[in-house]
Amino acid sequence: MANILLINGSPSAPSRSQGILEYAIALLNEQGVHTDLLSVRDLPAEDLVFGKY
C-alpha cells in the first residue's frame, strides 16, 4: 500500500487549496492509498520564519 503526504502551504483558513487536497484525499482513499495532510497553519510561525523544521 502506498503512503502519501499532502502538504497545504496556504496560510489562510479556509483556503481553496485545502478543499482541493481534501478532494484528492477522498479519491486516494477510495483507491486504498493511505494519506496524511500537513498544513503550515498547524506549525508554529516562529519555526517557519527561523527555519526550525
PDB file of N, CA and C in Angstrom:
ATOM      1  N   MET A   1       0.837  -1.178   0.000  1.00  0.00           N
ATOM      2  CA  MET A   1       0.000   0.000   0.000  1.00  0.00           C
ATOM      3  C   MET A   1       0.884   1.243   0.000  1.00  0.00           C
ATOM      4  N   ALA A   2       0.482   2.229  -0.753  1.00  0.00           N
ATOM      5  CA  ALA A   2       1.236   3.476  -0.844  1.00  0.00           C
ATOM      6  C   ALA A   2       0.850   4.423   0.286  1.00  0.00           C
ATOM      7  N   ASN A   3       1.800   5.240   0.684  1.00  0.00           N
ATOM      8  CA  ASN A   3       1.582   6.298   1.666  1.00  0.00           C
ATOM      9  C   ASN A   3       1.919   7.628   1.011  1.00  0.00           C
ATOM     10  N   ILE A   4       1.010   8.586   1.122  1.00  0.00           N
ATOM     11  CA  ILE A   4       1.222   9.893   0.507  1.00  0.00           C
ATOM     12  C   ILE A   4       1.006  10.986   1.546  1.00  0.00           C
ATOM     13  N   LEU A   5       1.954  11.921   1.616  1.00  0.00           N
ATOM     14  CA  LEU A   5       1.828  13.099   2.467  1.00  0.00           C
ATOM     15  C   LEU A   5       1.479  14.280   1.572  1.00  0.00           C
ATOM     16  N   LEU A   6       0.333  14.890   1.829  1.00  0.00           N
ATOM     17  CA  LEU A   6      -0.082  16.078   1.099  1.00  0.00           C
ATOM     18  C   LEU A   6       0.206  17.280   1.981  1.00  0.00           C
ATOM     19  N   ILE A   7       0.798  18.315   1.403  1.00  0.00           N
ATOM     20  CA  ILE A   7       1.192  19.494   2.166  1.00  0.00           C
ATOM     21  C   ILE A   7       0.416  20.704   1.661  1.00  0.00           C
ATOM     22  N   ASN A   8      -0.285  21.346   2.585  1.00  0.00           N
ATOM     23  CA  ASN A   8      -1.018  22.558   2.258  1.00  0.00           C
ATOM     24  C   ASN A   8      -0.185  23.743   2.716  1.00  0.00           C
ATOM     25  N   GLY A   9       0.237  24.577   1.785  1.00  0.00           N
ATOM     26  CA  GLY A   9       1.078  25.718   2.106  1.00  0.00           C
ATOM     27  C   GLY A   9       0.313  27.015   2.270  1.00  0.00           C
ATOM     28  N   SER A  10      -1.008  26.974   2.206  1.00  0.00           N
ATOM     29  CA  SER A  10      -1.802  28.198   2.328  1.00  0.00           C
ATOM     30  C   SER A  10      -1.912  28.618   3.789  1.00  0.00           C
ATOM     31  N   PRO A  11      -1.610  29.885   4.092  1.00  0.00           N
ATOM     32  CA  PRO A  11      -1.727  30.350   5.470  1.00  0.00           C
ATOM     33  C   PRO A  11      -3.144  30.751   5.863  1.00  0.00           C
ATOM     34  N   SER A  12      -4.050  30.836   4.898  1.00  0.00           N
ATOM     35  CA  SER A  12      -5.405  31.293   5.224  1.00  0.00           C
ATOM     36  C   SER A  12      -6.359  30.119   5.433  1.00  0.00           C
ATOM     37  N   ALA A  13      -7.349  30.363   6.269  1.00  0.00           N
ATOM     38  CA  ALA A  13      -8.374  29.351   6.516  1.00  0.00           C
ATOM     39  C   ALA A  13      -9.736  30.001   6.347  1.00  0.00           C
ATOM     40  N   PRO A  14     -10.643  29.462   5.628  1.00  0.00           N
ATOM     41  CA  PRO A  14     -10.469  28.302   4.761  1.00  0.00           C
ATOM     42  C   PRO A  14      -9.751  28.705   3.472  1.00  0.00           C
ATOM     43  N   SER A  15      -9.187  27.726   2.807  1.00  0.00           N
ATOM     44  CA  SER A  15      -8.497  28.015   1.548  1.00  0.00           C
ATOM     45  C   SER A  15      -8.989  27.052   0.470  1.00  0.00           C
ATOM     46  N   ARG A  16      -8.899  27.498  -0.763  1.00  0.00           N
ATOM     47  CA  ARG A  16      -9.309  26.640  -1.875  1.00  0.00           C
ATOM     48  C   ARG A  16      -8.368  25.459  -2.030  1.00  0.00           C
ATOM     49  N   SER A  17      -7.091  25.688  -1.745  1.00  0.00           N
ATOM     50  CA  SER A  17      -6.139  24.575  -1.864  1.00  0.00           C
ATOM     51  C   SER A  17      -6.440  23.481  -0.846  1.00  0.00           C
ATOM     52  N   GLN A  18      -6.928  23.866   0.329  1.00  0.00           N
ATOM     53  CA  GLN A  18      -7.320  22.883   1.345  1.00  0.00           C
ATOM     54  C   GLN A  18      -8.469  22.017   0.809  1.00  0.00           C
ATOM     55  N   GLY A  19      -9.429  22.656   0.168  1.00  0.00           N
ATOM     56  CA  GLY A  19     -10.550  21.916  -0.412  1.00  0.00           C
ATOM     57  C   GLY A  19     -10.118  20.948  -1.489  1.00  0.00           C
ATOM     58  N   ILE A  20      -9.190  21.381  -2.323  1.00  0.00           N
ATOM     59  CA  ILE A  20      -8.682  20.505  -3.384  1.00  0.00           C
ATOM     60  C   ILE A  20      -7.934  19.320  -2.786  1.00  0.00           C
ATOM     61  N   LEU A  21      -7.135  19.585  -1.752  1.00  0.00           N
ATOM     62  CA  LEU A  21      -6.402  18.499  -1.100  1.00  0.00           C
ATOM     63  C   LEU A  21      -7.358  17.507  -0.438  1.00  0.00           C
ATOM     64  N   GLU A  22      -8.408  17.995   0.182  1.00  0.00           N
ATOM     65  CA  GLU A  22      -9.384  17.101   0.805  1.00  0.00           C
ATOM     66  C   GLU A  22     -10.083  16.246  -0.242  1.00  0.00           C
ATOM     67  N   TYR A  23     -10.358  16.817  -1.402  1.00  0.00           N
ATOM     68  CA  TYR A  23     -10.952  16.057  -2.500  1.00  0.00           C
ATOM     69  C   TYR A  23      -9.980  14.979  -2.985  1.00  0.00           C
ATOM     70  N   ALA A  24      -8.714  15.355  -3.137  1.00  0.00           N
ATOM     71  CA  ALA A  24      -7.696  14.388  -3.568  1.00  0.00           C
ATOM     72  C   ALA A  24      -7.553  13.262  -2.546  1.00  0.00           C
ATOM     73  N   ILE A  25      -7.605  13.608  -1.260  1.00  0.00           N
ATOM     74  CA  ILE A  25      -7.518  12.597  -0.202  1.00  0.00           C
ATOM     75  C   ILE A  25      -8.662  11.599  -0.328  1.00  0.00           C
ATOM     76  N   ALA A  26      -9.870  12.103  -0.562  1.00  0.00           N
ATOM     77  CA  ALA A  26     -11.025  11.210  -0.710  1.00  0.00           C
ATOM     78  C   ALA A  26     -10.836  10.252  -1.887  1.00  0.00           C
ATOM     79  N   LEU A  27     -10.349  10.776  -3.006  1.00  0.00           N
ATOM     80  CA  LEU A  27     -10.125   9.918  -4.173  1.00  0.00           C
ATOM     81  C   LEU A  27      -9.031   8.876  -3.909  1.00  0.00           C
ATOM     82  N   LEU A  28      -7.953   9.305  -3.278  1.00  0.00           N
ATOM     83  CA  LEU A  28      -6.861   8.386  -2.984  1.00  0.00           C
ATOM     84  C   LEU A  28      -7.287   7.314  -1.987  1.00  0.00           C
ATOM     85  N   ASN A  29      -8.056   7.704  -0.985  1.00  0.00           N
ATOM     86  CA  ASN A  29      -8.520   6.731   0.000  1.00  0.00           C
ATOM     87  C   ASN A  29      -9.433   5.687  -0.632  1.00  0.00           C
ATOM     88  N   GLU A  30     -10.229   6.097  -1.613  1.00  0.00           N
ATOM     89  CA  GLU A  30     -11.078   5.137  -2.333  1.00  0.00           C
ATOM     90  C   GLU A  30     -10.240   4.087  -3.048  1.00  0.00           C
ATOM     91  N   GLN A  31      -9.023   4.469  -3.431  1.00  0.00           N
ATOM     92  CA  GLN A  31      -8.127   3.549  -4.134  1.00  0.00           C
ATOM     93  C   GLN A  31      -7.271   2.737  -3.165  1.00  0.00           C
ATOM     94  N   GLY A  32      -7.491   2.920  -1.876  1.00  0.00           N
ATOM     95  CA  GLY A  32      -6.749   2.173  -0.873  1.00  0.00           C
ATOM     96  C   GLY A  32      -5.404   2.769  -0.508  1.00  0.00           C
ATOM     97  N   VAL A  33      -5.199   4.030  -0.849  1.00  0.00           N
ATOM     98  CA  VAL A  33      -3.939   4.711  -0.554  1.00  0.00           C
ATOM     99  C   VAL A  33      -4.061   5.406   0.801  1.00  0.00           C
ATOM    100  N   HIS A  34      -3.066   5.224   1.656  1.00  0.00           N
ATOM    101  CA  HIS A  34      -3.043   5.909   2.957  1.00  0.00           C
ATOM    102  C   HIS A  34      -2.516   7.318   2.754  1.00  0.00           C
ATOM    103  N   THR A  35      -3.235   8.313   3.291  1.00  0.00           N
ATOM    104  CA  THR A  35      -2.833   9.709   3.124  1.00  0.00           C
ATOM    105  C   THR A  35      -2.729  10.407   4.471  1.00  0.00           C
ATOM    106  N   ASP A  36      -1.842  11.385   4.526  1.00  0.00           N
ATOM    107  CA  ASP A  36      -1.719  12.295   5.656  1.00  0.00           C
ATOM    108  C   ASP A  36      -1.680  13.704   5.101  1.00  0.00           C
ATOM    109  N   LEU A  37      -2.227  14.641   5.856  1.00  0.00           N
ATOM    110  CA  LEU A  37      -2.257  16.036   5.436  1.00  0.00           C
ATOM    111  C   LEU A  37      -1.513  16.881   6.447  1.00  0.00           C
ATOM    112  N   LEU A  38      -0.568  17.670   5.962  1.00  0.00           N
ATOM    113  CA  LEU A  38       0.184  18.602   6.796  1.00  0.00           C
ATOM    114  C   LEU A  38      -0.122  20.012   6.310  1.00  0.00           C
ATOM    115  N   SER A  39      -0.550  20.860   7.230  1.00  0.00           N
ATOM    116  CA  SER A  39      -0.848  22.244   6.899  1.00  0.00           C
ATOM    117  C   SER A  39       0.142  23.152   7.616  1.00  0.00           C
ATOM    118  N   VAL A  40       0.675  24.131   6.886  1.00  0.00           N
ATOM    119  CA  VAL A  40       1.617  25.049   7.519  1.00  0.00           C
ATOM    120  C   VAL A  40       0.944  25.872   8.612  1.00  0.00           C
ATOM    121  N   ARG A  41      -0.380  25.994   8.562  1.00  0.00           N
ATOM    122  CA  ARG A  41      -1.106  26.708   9.622  1.00  0.00           C
ATOM    123  C   ARG A  41      -0.960  26.015  10.964  1.00  0.00           C
ATOM    124  N   ASP A  42      -0.713  24.705  10.942  1.00  0.00           N
ATOM    125  CA  ASP A  42      -0.595  23.934  12.177  1.00  0.00           C
ATOM    126  C   ASP A  42       0.804  23.999  12.783  1.00  0.00           C
ATOM    127  N   LEU A  43       1.734  24.608  12.069  1.00  0.00           N
ATOM    128  CA  LEU A  43       3.107  24.721  12.556  1.00  0.00           C
ATOM    129  C   LEU A  43       3.307  26.078  13.226  1.00  0.00           C
ATOM    130  N   PRO A  44       4.145  26.148  14.243  1.00  0.00           N
ATOM    131  CA  PRO A  44       4.410  27.439  14.886  1.00  0.00           C
ATOM    132  C   PRO A  44       5.042  28.428  13.893  1.00  0.00           C
ATOM    133  N   ALA A  45       4.508  29.634  13.831  1.00  0.00           N
ATOM    134  CA  ALA A  45       5.001  30.643  12.891  1.00  0.00           C
ATOM    135  C   ALA A  45       6.479  30.928  13.104  1.00  0.00           C
ATOM    136  N   GLU A  46       6.909  30.974  14.340  1.00  0.00           N
ATOM    137  CA  GLU A  46       8.317  31.260  14.636  1.00  0.00           C
ATOM    138  C   GLU A  46       9.237  30.196  14.028  1.00  0.00           C
ATOM    139  N   ASP A  47       8.822  28.947  14.078  1.00  0.00           N
ATOM    140  CA  ASP A  47       9.632  27.880  13.493  1.00  0.00           C
ATOM    141  C   ASP A  47       9.756  28.044  11.981  1.00  0.00           C
ATOM    142  N   LEU A  48       8.679  28.488  11.339  1.00  0.00           N
ATOM    143  CA  LEU A  48       8.722  28.691   9.891  1.00  0.00           C
ATOM    144  C   LEU A  48       9.615  29.872   9.531  1.00  0.00           C
ATOM    145  N   VAL A  49       9.507  30.956  10.287  1.00  0.00           N
ATOM    146  CA  VAL A  49      10.289  32.162  10.000  1.00  0.00           C
ATOM    147  C   VAL A  49      11.786  31.899  10.170  1.00  0.00           C
ATOM    148  N   PHE A  50      12.144  31.177  11.219  1.00  0.00           N
ATOM    149  CA  PHE A  50      13.555  30.942  11.506  1.00  0.00           C
ATOM    150  C   PHE A  50      14.074  29.611  10.965  1.00  0.00           C
ATOM    151  N   GLY A  51      13.271  28.916  10.161  1.00  0.00           N
ATOM    152  CA  GLY A  51      13.712  27.683   9.515  1.00  0.00           C
ATOM    153  C   GLY A  51      13.949  26.530  10.471  1.00  0.00           C
ATOM    154  N   LYS A  52      13.189  26.459  11.538  1.00  0.00           N
ATOM    155  CA  LYS A  52      13.339  25.379  12.514  1.00  0.00           C
ATOM    156  C   LYS A  52      12.381  24.241  12.162  1.00  0.00           C
ATOM    157  N   TYR A  53      12.670  23.538  11.076  1.00  0.00           N
ATOM    158  CA  TYR A  53      11.811  22.419  10.689  1.00  0.00           C
ATOM    159  C   TYR A  53      12.572  21.208  10.371  1.00  0.00           C
TER     160      TYR A  53
END
